[in-house]
């Protein structure tokens, strides 16, 4: 797994992959989000990342804006294009919220 994806998983990305147990900073989370999106993920990874982005954006907007800065709205736009299955999105978002609540 790429370092960006491991950082995201450590922060609560809802993919069934092991975490490293390392607590991640806001700066690491933002950089990993940018890098993961730049890799143009598809399928499960894209859906999980979209749900994660929306959970972060909707529940911790100041953190989201502060971490992603000028990339915040482009990140939300990317997530909107990749949250395609509403049922799966809701499930993944709920998992992401539970995980993010522990670090943000």
PDB file of N, CA and C in Angstrom:
ATOM      1  N   UNK A   1       0.851  -1.192   0.000  1.00  0.00           N
ATOM      2  CA  UNK A   1       0.000   0.000   0.000  1.00  0.00           C
ATOM      3  C   UNK A   1       0.884   1.238   0.000  1.00  0.00           C
ATOM      4  N   UNK A   2       0.536   2.205  -0.811  1.00  0.00           N
ATOM      5  CA  UNK A   2       1.237   3.472  -0.900  1.00  0.00           C
ATOM      6  C   UNK A   2       1.151   4.196   0.439  1.00  0.00           C
ATOM      7  N   UNK A   3       2.166   4.968   0.776  1.00  0.00           N
ATOM      8  CA  UNK A   3       2.180   5.696   2.045  1.00  0.00           C
ATOM      9  C   UNK A   3       0.955   6.585   2.230  1.00  0.00           C
ATOM     10  N   UNK A   4       0.504   7.251   1.165  1.00  0.00           N
ATOM     11  CA  UNK A   4      -0.675   8.125   1.277  1.00  0.00           C
ATOM     12  C   UNK A   4      -1.893   7.314   1.722  1.00  0.00           C
ATOM     13  N   UNK A   5      -2.069   6.150   1.138  1.00  0.00           N
ATOM     14  CA  UNK A   5      -3.216   5.318   1.499  1.00  0.00           C
ATOM     15  C   UNK A   5      -3.088   4.792   2.919  1.00  0.00           C
ATOM     16  N   UNK A   6      -1.867   4.509   3.373  1.00  0.00           N
ATOM     17  CA  UNK A   6      -1.678   4.058   4.756  1.00  0.00           C
ATOM     18  C   UNK A   6      -1.999   5.189   5.723  1.00  0.00           C
ATOM     19  N   UNK A   7      -1.573   6.388   5.403  1.00  0.00           N
ATOM     20  CA  UNK A   7      -1.896   7.545   6.256  1.00  0.00           C
ATOM     21  C   UNK A   7      -3.410   7.710   6.338  1.00  0.00           C
ATOM     22  N   UNK A   8      -4.084   7.624   5.198  1.00  0.00           N
ATOM     23  CA  UNK A   8      -5.543   7.758   5.192  1.00  0.00           C
ATOM     24  C   UNK A   8      -6.194   6.630   5.989  1.00  0.00           C
ATOM     25  N   UNK A   9      -5.705   5.427   5.839  1.00  0.00           N
ATOM     26  CA  UNK A   9      -6.270   4.303   6.596  1.00  0.00           C
ATOM     27  C   UNK A   9      -6.053   4.521   8.086  1.00  0.00           C
ATOM     28  N   UNK A  10      -4.884   4.999   8.478  1.00  0.00           N
ATOM     29  CA  UNK A  10      -4.610   5.287   9.887  1.00  0.00           C
ATOM     30  C   UNK A  10      -5.557   6.352  10.427  1.00  0.00           C
ATOM     31  N   UNK A  11      -6.009   7.248   9.543  1.00  0.00           N
ATOM     32  CA  UNK A  11      -6.912   8.331   9.942  1.00  0.00           C
ATOM     33  C   UNK A  11      -8.379   7.919   9.875  1.00  0.00           C
ATOM     34  N   UNK A  12      -8.651   6.707   9.380  1.00  0.00           N
ATOM     35  CA  UNK A  12     -10.022   6.233   9.388  1.00  0.00           C
ATOM     36  C   UNK A  12     -10.661   5.979   8.045  1.00  0.00           C
ATOM     37  N   UNK A  13      -9.892   5.994   6.960  1.00  0.00           N
ATOM     38  CA  UNK A  13     -10.449   5.678   5.652  1.00  0.00           C
ATOM     39  C   UNK A  13     -11.136   4.320   5.728  1.00  0.00           C
ATOM     40  N   UNK A  14     -12.406   4.249   5.322  1.00  0.00           N
ATOM     41  CA  UNK A  14     -13.163   3.007   5.505  1.00  0.00           C
ATOM     42  C   UNK A  14     -12.865   1.936   4.445  1.00  0.00           C
ATOM     43  N   UNK A  15     -11.658   1.394   4.522  1.00  0.00           N
ATOM     44  CA  UNK A  15     -11.274   0.247   3.717  1.00  0.00           C
ATOM     45  C   UNK A  15     -10.828  -0.847   4.688  1.00  0.00           C
ATOM     46  N   UNK A  16     -11.129  -2.069   4.371  1.00  0.00           N
ATOM     47  CA  UNK A  16     -10.802  -3.190   5.260  1.00  0.00           C
ATOM     48  C   UNK A  16      -9.322  -3.538   5.150  1.00  0.00           C
ATOM     49  N   UNK A  17      -8.500  -2.628   5.604  1.00  0.00           N
ATOM     50  CA  UNK A  17      -7.056  -2.815   5.599  1.00  0.00           C
ATOM     51  C   UNK A  17      -6.518  -2.481   6.982  1.00  0.00           C
ATOM     52  N   UNK A  18      -5.416  -3.077   7.374  1.00  0.00           N
ATOM     53  CA  UNK A  18      -4.884  -2.820   8.714  1.00  0.00           C
ATOM     54  C   UNK A  18      -4.327  -1.401   8.860  1.00  0.00           C
ATOM     55  N   UNK A  19      -4.416  -0.893  10.061  1.00  0.00           N
ATOM     56  CA  UNK A  19      -3.800   0.394  10.364  1.00  0.00           C
ATOM     57  C   UNK A  19      -2.412   0.139  10.916  1.00  0.00           C
ATOM     58  N   UNK A  20      -1.592   1.164  10.919  1.00  0.00           N
ATOM     59  CA  UNK A  20      -0.240   1.024  11.457  1.00  0.00           C
ATOM     60  C   UNK A  20      -0.204   1.359  12.944  1.00  0.00           C
ATOM     61  N   UNK A  21      -1.277   1.968  13.444  1.00  0.00           N
ATOM     62  CA  UNK A  21      -1.301   2.379  14.845  1.00  0.00           C
ATOM     63  C   UNK A  21      -0.676   3.740  15.084  1.00  0.00           C
ATOM     64  N   UNK A  22      -0.214   4.389  14.027  1.00  0.00           N
ATOM     65  CA  UNK A  22       0.412   5.702  14.141  1.00  0.00           C
ATOM     66  C   UNK A  22      -0.676   6.768  14.109  1.00  0.00           C
ATOM     67  N   UNK A  23      -0.602   7.726  15.028  1.00  0.00           N
ATOM     68  CA  UNK A  23      -1.523   8.851  15.015  1.00  0.00           C
ATOM     69  C   UNK A  23      -1.047   9.844  13.967  1.00  0.00           C
ATOM     70  N   UNK A  24      -1.955  10.256  13.108  1.00  0.00           N
ATOM     71  CA  UNK A  24      -1.593  11.127  11.997  1.00  0.00           C
ATOM     72  C   UNK A  24      -2.002  12.574  12.254  1.00  0.00           C
ATOM     73  N   UNK A  25      -1.201  13.500  11.771  1.00  0.00           N
ATOM     74  CA  UNK A  25      -1.474  14.928  11.931  1.00  0.00           C
ATOM     75  C   UNK A  25      -2.414  15.406  10.830  1.00  0.00           C
ATOM     76  N   UNK A  26      -2.978  16.572  11.031  1.00  0.00           N
ATOM     77  CA  UNK A  26      -3.833  17.196  10.029  1.00  0.00           C
ATOM     78  C   UNK A  26      -3.057  17.435   8.736  1.00  0.00           C
ATOM     79  N   UNK A  27      -1.817  17.844   8.846  1.00  0.00           N
ATOM     80  CA  UNK A  27      -1.004  18.096   7.665  1.00  0.00           C
ATOM     81  C   UNK A  27      -0.772  16.813   6.877  1.00  0.00           C
ATOM     82  N   UNK A  28      -0.499  15.719   7.586  1.00  0.00           N
ATOM     83  CA  UNK A  28      -0.313  14.434   6.908  1.00  0.00           C
ATOM     84  C   UNK A  28      -1.601  13.988   6.227  1.00  0.00           C
ATOM     85  N   UNK A  29      -2.712  14.170   6.919  1.00  0.00           N
ATOM     86  CA  UNK A  29      -4.011  13.774   6.373  1.00  0.00           C
ATOM     87  C   UNK A  29      -4.328  14.557   5.099  1.00  0.00           C
ATOM     88  N   UNK A  30      -4.114  15.851   5.125  1.00  0.00           N
ATOM     89  CA  UNK A  30      -4.385  16.687   3.949  1.00  0.00           C
ATOM     90  C   UNK A  30      -3.465  16.311   2.784  1.00  0.00           C
ATOM     91  N   UNK A  31      -2.177  16.147   3.056  1.00  0.00           N
ATOM     92  CA  UNK A  31      -1.236  15.787   1.993  1.00  0.00           C
ATOM     93  C   UNK A  31      -1.572  14.413   1.405  1.00  0.00           C
ATOM     94  N   UNK A  32      -1.943  13.478   2.253  1.00  0.00           N
ATOM     95  CA  UNK A  32      -2.288  12.135   1.783  1.00  0.00           C
ATOM     96  C   UNK A  32      -3.566  12.159   0.950  1.00  0.00           C
ATOM     97  N   UNK A  33      -4.519  12.997   1.328  1.00  0.00           N
ATOM     98  CA  UNK A  33      -5.760  13.124   0.556  1.00  0.00           C
ATOM     99  C   UNK A  33      -5.456  13.654  -0.835  1.00  0.00           C
ATOM    100  N   UNK A  34      -4.650  14.692  -0.905  1.00  0.00           N
ATOM    101  CA  UNK A  34      -4.260  15.253  -2.211  1.00  0.00           C
ATOM    102  C   UNK A  34      -3.559  14.202  -3.074  1.00  0.00           C
ATOM    103  N   UNK A  35      -2.614  13.497  -2.475  1.00  0.00           N
ATOM    104  CA  UNK A  35      -1.836  12.505  -3.221  1.00  0.00           C
ATOM    105  C   UNK A  35      -2.714  11.353  -3.698  1.00  0.00           C
ATOM    106  N   UNK A  36      -3.609  10.880  -2.846  1.00  0.00           N
ATOM    107  CA  UNK A  36      -4.493   9.773  -3.229  1.00  0.00           C
ATOM    108  C   UNK A  36      -5.408  10.174  -4.379  1.00  0.00           C
ATOM    109  N   UNK A  37      -5.956  11.374  -4.321  1.00  0.00           N
ATOM    110  CA  UNK A  37      -6.823  11.853  -5.409  1.00  0.00           C
ATOM    111  C   UNK A  37      -6.028  11.991  -6.703  1.00  0.00           C
ATOM    112  N   UNK A  38      -4.801  12.462  -6.605  1.00  0.00           N
ATOM    113  CA  UNK A  38      -3.952  12.624  -7.793  1.00  0.00           C
ATOM    114  C   UNK A  38      -3.651  11.282  -8.461  1.00  0.00           C
ATOM    115  N   UNK A  39      -3.737  10.204  -7.717  1.00  0.00           N
ATOM    116  CA  UNK A  39      -3.509   8.862  -8.273  1.00  0.00           C
ATOM    117  C   UNK A  39      -4.726   8.344  -9.043  1.00  0.00           C
ATOM    118  N   UNK A  40      -5.780   9.134  -9.066  1.00  0.00           N
ATOM    119  CA  UNK A  40      -7.006   8.802  -9.792  1.00  0.00           C
ATOM    120  C   UNK A  40      -7.546   7.413  -9.425  1.00  0.00           C
ATOM    121  N   UNK A  41      -7.871   7.220  -8.146  1.00  0.00           N
ATOM    122  CA  UNK A  41      -8.384   5.908  -7.733  1.00  0.00           C
ATOM    123  C   UNK A  41      -9.742   5.619  -8.369  1.00  0.00           C
ATOM    124  N   UNK A  42     -10.057   4.345  -8.462  1.00  0.00           N
ATOM    125  CA  UNK A  42     -11.337   3.917  -9.000  1.00  0.00           C
ATOM    126  C   UNK A  42     -11.934   2.875  -8.062  1.00  0.00           C
ATOM    127  N   UNK A  43     -13.171   2.517  -8.333  1.00  0.00           N
ATOM    128  CA  UNK A  43     -13.810   1.432  -7.591  1.00  0.00           C
ATOM    129  C   UNK A  43     -13.924   1.679  -6.105  1.00  0.00           C
ATOM    130  N   UNK A  44     -13.654   0.638  -5.331  1.00  0.00           N
ATOM    131  CA  UNK A  44     -13.795   0.700  -3.875  1.00  0.00           C
ATOM    132  C   UNK A  44     -12.962   1.804  -3.249  1.00  0.00           C
ATOM    133  N   UNK A  45     -11.743   1.969  -3.734  1.00  0.00           N
ATOM    134  CA  UNK A  45     -10.867   2.992  -3.156  1.00  0.00           C
ATOM    135  C   UNK A  45     -11.442   4.390  -3.361  1.00  0.00           C
ATOM    136  N   UNK A  46     -11.945   4.660  -4.563  1.00  0.00           N
ATOM    137  CA  UNK A  46     -12.527   5.973  -4.837  1.00  0.00           C
ATOM    138  C   UNK A  46     -13.777   6.200  -4.001  1.00  0.00           C
ATOM    139  N   UNK A  47     -14.625   5.189  -3.885  1.00  0.00           N
ATOM    140  CA  UNK A  47     -15.844   5.322  -3.076  1.00  0.00           C
ATOM    141  C   UNK A  47     -15.517   5.563  -1.610  1.00  0.00           C
ATOM    142  N   UNK A  48     -14.546   4.824  -1.095  1.00  0.00           N
ATOM    143  CA  UNK A  48     -14.157   4.994   0.309  1.00  0.00           C
ATOM    144  C   UNK A  48     -13.567   6.378   0.541  1.00  0.00           C
ATOM    145  N   UNK A  49     -12.728   6.831  -0.368  1.00  0.00           N
ATOM    146  CA  UNK A  49     -12.114   8.152  -0.213  1.00  0.00           C
ATOM    147  C   UNK A  49     -13.159   9.255  -0.336  1.00  0.00           C
ATOM    148  N   UNK A  50     -14.111   9.114  -1.234  1.00  0.00           N
ATOM    149  CA  UNK A  50     -15.182  10.110  -1.363  1.00  0.00           C
ATOM    150  C   UNK A  50     -15.996  10.197  -0.082  1.00  0.00           C
ATOM    151  N   UNK A  51     -16.346   9.063   0.492  1.00  0.00           N
ATOM    152  CA  UNK A  51     -17.115   9.063   1.744  1.00  0.00           C
ATOM    153  C   UNK A  51     -16.305   9.696   2.867  1.00  0.00           C
ATOM    154  N   UNK A  52     -15.020   9.407   2.919  1.00  0.00           N
ATOM    155  CA  UNK A  52     -14.122   9.965   3.917  1.00  0.00           C
ATOM    156  C   UNK A  52     -14.038  11.488   3.783  1.00  0.00           C
ATOM    157  N   UNK A  53     -13.877  11.952   2.542  1.00  0.00           N
ATOM    158  CA  UNK A  53     -13.797  13.393   2.274  1.00  0.00           C
ATOM    159  C   UNK A  53     -15.080  14.086   2.728  1.00  0.00           C
ATOM    160  N   UNK A  54     -16.239  13.524   2.376  1.00  0.00           N
ATOM    161  CA  UNK A  54     -17.502  14.146   2.775  1.00  0.00           C
ATOM    162  C   UNK A  54     -17.697  14.124   4.289  1.00  0.00           C
ATOM    163  N   UNK A  55     -17.320  13.048   4.937  1.00  0.00           N
ATOM    164  CA  UNK A  55     -17.437  12.987   6.402  1.00  0.00           C
ATOM    165  C   UNK A  55     -16.583  14.085   7.037  1.00  0.00           C
ATOM    166  N   UNK A  56     -15.365  14.217   6.579  1.00  0.00           N
ATOM    167  CA  UNK A  56     -14.451  15.239   7.097  1.00  0.00           C
ATOM    168  C   UNK A  56     -15.008  16.627   6.806  1.00  0.00           C
ATOM    169  N   UNK A  57     -15.424  16.873   5.580  1.00  0.00           N
ATOM    170  CA  UNK A  57     -15.916  18.181   5.165  1.00  0.00           C
ATOM    171  C   UNK A  57     -17.181  18.588   5.916  1.00  0.00           C
ATOM    172  N   UNK A  58     -18.125  17.691   6.057  1.00  0.00           N
ATOM    173  CA  UNK A  58     -19.412  18.030   6.677  1.00  0.00           C
ATOM    174  C   UNK A  58     -19.354  18.162   8.191  1.00  0.00           C
ATOM    175  N   UNK A  59     -18.519  17.385   8.851  1.00  0.00           N
ATOM    176  CA  UNK A  59     -18.519  17.376  10.318  1.00  0.00           C
ATOM    177  C   UNK A  59     -17.377  18.168  10.940  1.00  0.00           C
ATOM    178  N   UNK A  60     -16.328  18.403  10.232  1.00  0.00           N
ATOM    179  CA  UNK A  60     -15.201  19.199  10.726  1.00  0.00           C
ATOM    180  C   UNK A  60     -14.780  20.194   9.647  1.00  0.00           C
ATOM    181  N   UNK A  61     -15.676  21.100   9.270  1.00  0.00           N
ATOM    182  CA  UNK A  61     -15.383  22.005   8.142  1.00  0.00           C
ATOM    183  C   UNK A  61     -14.165  22.903   8.362  1.00  0.00           C
ATOM    184  N   UNK A  62     -13.957  23.369   9.575  1.00  0.00           N
ATOM    185  CA  UNK A  62     -12.796  24.233   9.824  1.00  0.00           C
ATOM    186  C   UNK A  62     -11.499  23.445   9.639  1.00  0.00           C
ATOM    187  N   UNK A  63     -11.476  22.229  10.121  1.00  0.00           N
ATOM    188  CA  UNK A  63     -10.313  21.366   9.957  1.00  0.00           C
ATOM    189  C   UNK A  63     -10.088  21.051   8.474  1.00  0.00           C
ATOM    190  N   UNK A  64     -11.169  20.754   7.780  1.00  0.00           N
ATOM    191  CA  UNK A  64     -11.096  20.437   6.352  1.00  0.00           C
ATOM    192  C   UNK A  64     -10.531  21.620   5.568  1.00  0.00           C
ATOM    193  N   UNK A  65     -11.107  22.786   5.774  1.00  0.00           N
ATOM    194  CA  UNK A  65     -10.646  23.994   5.075  1.00  0.00           C
ATOM    195  C   UNK A  65      -9.221  24.340   5.475  1.00  0.00           C
ATOM    196  N   UNK A  66      -8.924  24.215   6.767  1.00  0.00           N
ATOM    197  CA  UNK A  66      -7.581  24.542   7.236  1.00  0.00           C
ATOM    198  C   UNK A  66      -6.533  23.592   6.699  1.00  0.00           C
ATOM    199  N   UNK A  67      -6.874  22.320   6.616  1.00  0.00           N
ATOM    200  CA  UNK A  67      -5.921  21.331   6.134  1.00  0.00           C
ATOM    201  C   UNK A  67      -5.703  21.397   4.631  1.00  0.00           C
ATOM    202  N   UNK A  68      -6.784  21.525   3.884  1.00  0.00           N
ATOM    203  CA  UNK A  68      -6.677  21.476   2.419  1.00  0.00           C
ATOM    204  C   UNK A  68      -6.555  22.843   1.773  1.00  0.00           C
ATOM    205  N   UNK A  69      -6.872  23.899   2.523  1.00  0.00           N
ATOM    206  CA  UNK A  69      -6.702  25.256   2.016  1.00  0.00           C
ATOM    207  C   UNK A  69      -7.351  25.469   0.659  1.00  0.00           C
ATOM    208  N   UNK A  70      -6.599  25.970  -0.311  1.00  0.00           N
ATOM    209  CA  UNK A  70      -7.182  26.279  -1.623  1.00  0.00           C
ATOM    210  C   UNK A  70      -7.640  25.042  -2.396  1.00  0.00           C
ATOM    211  N   UNK A  71      -7.248  23.852  -1.954  1.00  0.00           N
ATOM    212  CA  UNK A  71      -7.665  22.622  -2.623  1.00  0.00           C
ATOM    213  C   UNK A  71      -8.975  22.068  -2.067  1.00  0.00           C
ATOM    214  N   UNK A  72      -9.540  22.702  -1.047  1.00  0.00           N
ATOM    215  CA  UNK A  72     -10.713  22.157  -0.364  1.00  0.00           C
ATOM    216  C   UNK A  72     -11.903  21.959  -1.303  1.00  0.00           C
ATOM    217  N   UNK A  73     -12.257  22.961  -2.067  1.00  0.00           N
ATOM    218  CA  UNK A  73     -13.448  22.832  -2.913  1.00  0.00           C
ATOM    219  C   UNK A  73     -13.229  21.857  -4.067  1.00  0.00           C
ATOM    220  N   UNK A  74     -12.037  21.816  -4.625  1.00  0.00           N
ATOM    221  CA  UNK A  74     -11.741  20.841  -5.681  1.00  0.00           C
ATOM    222  C   UNK A  74     -11.820  19.422  -5.121  1.00  0.00           C
ATOM    223  N   UNK A  75     -11.440  19.263  -3.872  1.00  0.00           N
ATOM    224  CA  UNK A  75     -11.517  17.954  -3.217  1.00  0.00           C
ATOM    225  C   UNK A  75     -12.967  17.533  -3.041  1.00  0.00           C
ATOM    226  N   UNK A  76     -13.816  18.460  -2.630  1.00  0.00           N
ATOM    227  CA  UNK A  76     -15.249  18.170  -2.495  1.00  0.00           C
ATOM    228  C   UNK A  76     -15.852  17.847  -3.861  1.00  0.00           C
ATOM    229  N   UNK A  77     -15.467  18.582  -4.878  1.00  0.00           N
ATOM    230  CA  UNK A  77     -15.959  18.311  -6.234  1.00  0.00           C
ATOM    231  C   UNK A  77     -15.554  16.913  -6.689  1.00  0.00           C
ATOM    232  N   UNK A  78     -14.313  16.539  -6.405  1.00  0.00           N
ATOM    233  CA  UNK A  78     -13.851  15.197  -6.762  1.00  0.00           C
ATOM    234  C   UNK A  78     -14.698  14.146  -6.037  1.00  0.00           C
ATOM    235  N   UNK A  79     -14.938  14.355  -4.758  1.00  0.00           N
ATOM    236  CA  UNK A  79     -15.730  13.399  -3.971  1.00  0.00           C
ATOM    237  C   UNK A  79     -17.140  13.267  -4.536  1.00  0.00           C
ATOM    238  N   UNK A  80     -17.732  14.371  -4.943  1.00  0.00           N
ATOM    239  CA  UNK A  80     -19.090  14.340  -5.500  1.00  0.00           C
ATOM    240  C   UNK A  80     -19.151  13.491  -6.779  1.00  0.00           C
ATOM    241  N   UNK A  81     -18.094  13.504  -7.534  1.00  0.00           N
ATOM    242  CA  UNK A  81     -18.059  12.701  -8.766  1.00  0.00           C
ATOM    243  C   UNK A  81     -17.823  11.218  -8.487  1.00  0.00           C
ATOM    244  N   UNK A  82     -17.344  10.894  -7.285  1.00  0.00           N
ATOM    245  CA  UNK A  82     -16.958   9.516  -6.989  1.00  0.00           C
ATOM    246  C   UNK A  82     -17.811   8.819  -5.950  1.00  0.00           C
ATOM    247  N   UNK A  83     -18.785   9.499  -5.396  1.00  0.00           N
ATOM    248  CA  UNK A  83     -19.732   8.869  -4.465  1.00  0.00           C
ATOM    249  C   UNK A  83     -20.932   8.418  -5.287  1.00  0.00           C
ATOM    250  N   UNK A  84     -20.810   7.274  -5.936  1.00  0.00           N
ATOM    251  CA  UNK A  84     -21.804   6.874  -6.922  1.00  0.00           C
ATOM    252  C   UNK A  84     -22.904   5.951  -6.393  1.00  0.00           C
ATOM    253  N   UNK A  85     -22.617   5.118  -5.440  1.00  0.00           N
ATOM    254  CA  UNK A  85     -23.600   4.186  -4.893  1.00  0.00           C
ATOM    255  C   UNK A  85     -24.082   4.732  -3.553  1.00  0.00           C
ATOM    256  N   UNK A  86     -25.308   5.267  -3.518  1.00  0.00           N
ATOM    257  CA  UNK A  86     -25.788   5.951  -2.309  1.00  0.00           C
ATOM    258  C   UNK A  86     -25.778   5.059  -1.072  1.00  0.00           C
ATOM    259  N   UNK A  87     -26.216   3.821  -1.208  1.00  0.00           N
ATOM    260  CA  UNK A  87     -26.230   2.914  -0.063  1.00  0.00           C
ATOM    261  C   UNK A  87     -24.837   2.649   0.473  1.00  0.00           C
ATOM    262  N   UNK A  88     -23.917   2.366  -0.428  1.00  0.00           N
ATOM    263  CA  UNK A  88     -22.529   2.117  -0.015  1.00  0.00           C
ATOM    264  C   UNK A  88     -21.913   3.389   0.550  1.00  0.00           C
ATOM    265  N   UNK A  89     -22.197   4.522  -0.081  1.00  0.00           N
ATOM    266  CA  UNK A  89     -21.679   5.803   0.402  1.00  0.00           C
ATOM    267  C   UNK A  89     -22.098   6.046   1.845  1.00  0.00           C
ATOM    268  N   UNK A  90     -23.365   5.836   2.162  1.00  0.00           N
ATOM    269  CA  UNK A  90     -23.843   6.088   3.524  1.00  0.00           C
ATOM    270  C   UNK A  90     -23.153   5.193   4.540  1.00  0.00           C
ATOM    271  N   UNK A  91     -22.980   3.941   4.187  1.00  0.00           N
ATOM    272  CA  UNK A  91     -22.293   3.010   5.083  1.00  0.00           C
ATOM    273  C   UNK A  91     -20.838   3.440   5.295  1.00  0.00           C
ATOM    274  N   UNK A  92     -20.140   3.729   4.216  1.00  0.00           N
ATOM    275  CA  UNK A  92     -18.737   4.130   4.314  1.00  0.00           C
ATOM    276  C   UNK A  92     -18.576   5.450   5.060  1.00  0.00           C
ATOM    277  N   UNK A  93     -19.484   6.376   4.825  1.00  0.00           N
ATOM    278  CA  UNK A  93     -19.420   7.673   5.508  1.00  0.00           C
ATOM    279  C   UNK A  93     -19.601   7.505   7.013  1.00  0.00           C
ATOM    280  N   UNK A  94     -20.518   6.639   7.411  1.00  0.00           N
ATOM    281  CA  UNK A  94     -20.746   6.383   8.840  1.00  0.00           C
ATOM    282  C   UNK A  94     -19.470   5.815   9.485  1.00  0.00           C
ATOM    283  N   UNK A  95     -18.816   4.891   8.808  1.00  0.00           N
ATOM    284  CA  UNK A  95     -17.569   4.324   9.322  1.00  0.00           C
ATOM    285  C   UNK A  95     -16.492   5.404   9.404  1.00  0.00           C
ATOM    286  N   UNK A  96     -16.375   6.212   8.364  1.00  0.00           N
ATOM    287  CA  UNK A  96     -15.383   7.292   8.355  1.00  0.00           C
ATOM    288  C   UNK A  96     -15.628   8.275   9.497  1.00  0.00           C
ATOM    289  N   UNK A  97     -16.891   8.602   9.739  1.00  0.00           N
ATOM    290  CA  UNK A  97     -17.222   9.525  10.844  1.00  0.00           C
ATOM    291  C   UNK A  97     -16.762   8.976  12.190  1.00  0.00           C
ATOM    292  N   UNK A  98     -17.039   7.718  12.430  1.00  0.00           N
ATOM    293  CA  UNK A  98     -16.627   7.098  13.690  1.00  0.00           C
ATOM    294  C   UNK A  98     -15.126   7.139  13.848  1.00  0.00           C
ATOM    295  N   UNK A  99     -14.411   6.863  12.772  1.00  0.00           N
ATOM    296  CA  UNK A  99     -12.952   6.859  12.825  1.00  0.00           C
ATOM    297  C   UNK A  99     -12.364   8.262  12.951  1.00  0.00           C
ATOM    298  N   UNK A 100     -12.881   9.195  12.169  1.00  0.00           N
ATOM    299  CA  UNK A 100     -12.371  10.568  12.226  1.00  0.00           C
ATOM    300  C   UNK A 100     -12.639  11.215  13.574  1.00  0.00           C
ATOM    301  N   UNK A 101     -13.742  10.860  14.205  1.00  0.00           N
ATOM    302  CA  UNK A 101     -14.083  11.448  15.504  1.00  0.00           C
ATOM    303  C   UNK A 101     -13.010  11.158  16.547  1.00  0.00           C
ATOM    304  N   UNK A 102     -12.251  10.111  16.337  1.00  0.00           N
ATOM    305  CA  UNK A 102     -11.192   9.759  17.284  1.00  0.00           C
ATOM    306  C   UNK A 102      -9.927  10.574  17.100  1.00  0.00           C
ATOM    307  N   UNK A 103      -9.774  11.203  15.912  1.00  0.00           N
ATOM    308  CA  UNK A 103      -8.531  11.956  15.684  1.00  0.00           C
ATOM    309  C   UNK A 103      -8.707  13.441  15.463  1.00  0.00           C
ATOM    310  N   UNK A 104      -9.921  13.882  15.066  1.00  0.00           N
ATOM    311  CA  UNK A 104     -10.112  15.321  14.802  1.00  0.00           C
ATOM    312  C   UNK A 104     -10.785  16.007  15.967  1.00  0.00           C
TER     313      UNK A 104
END
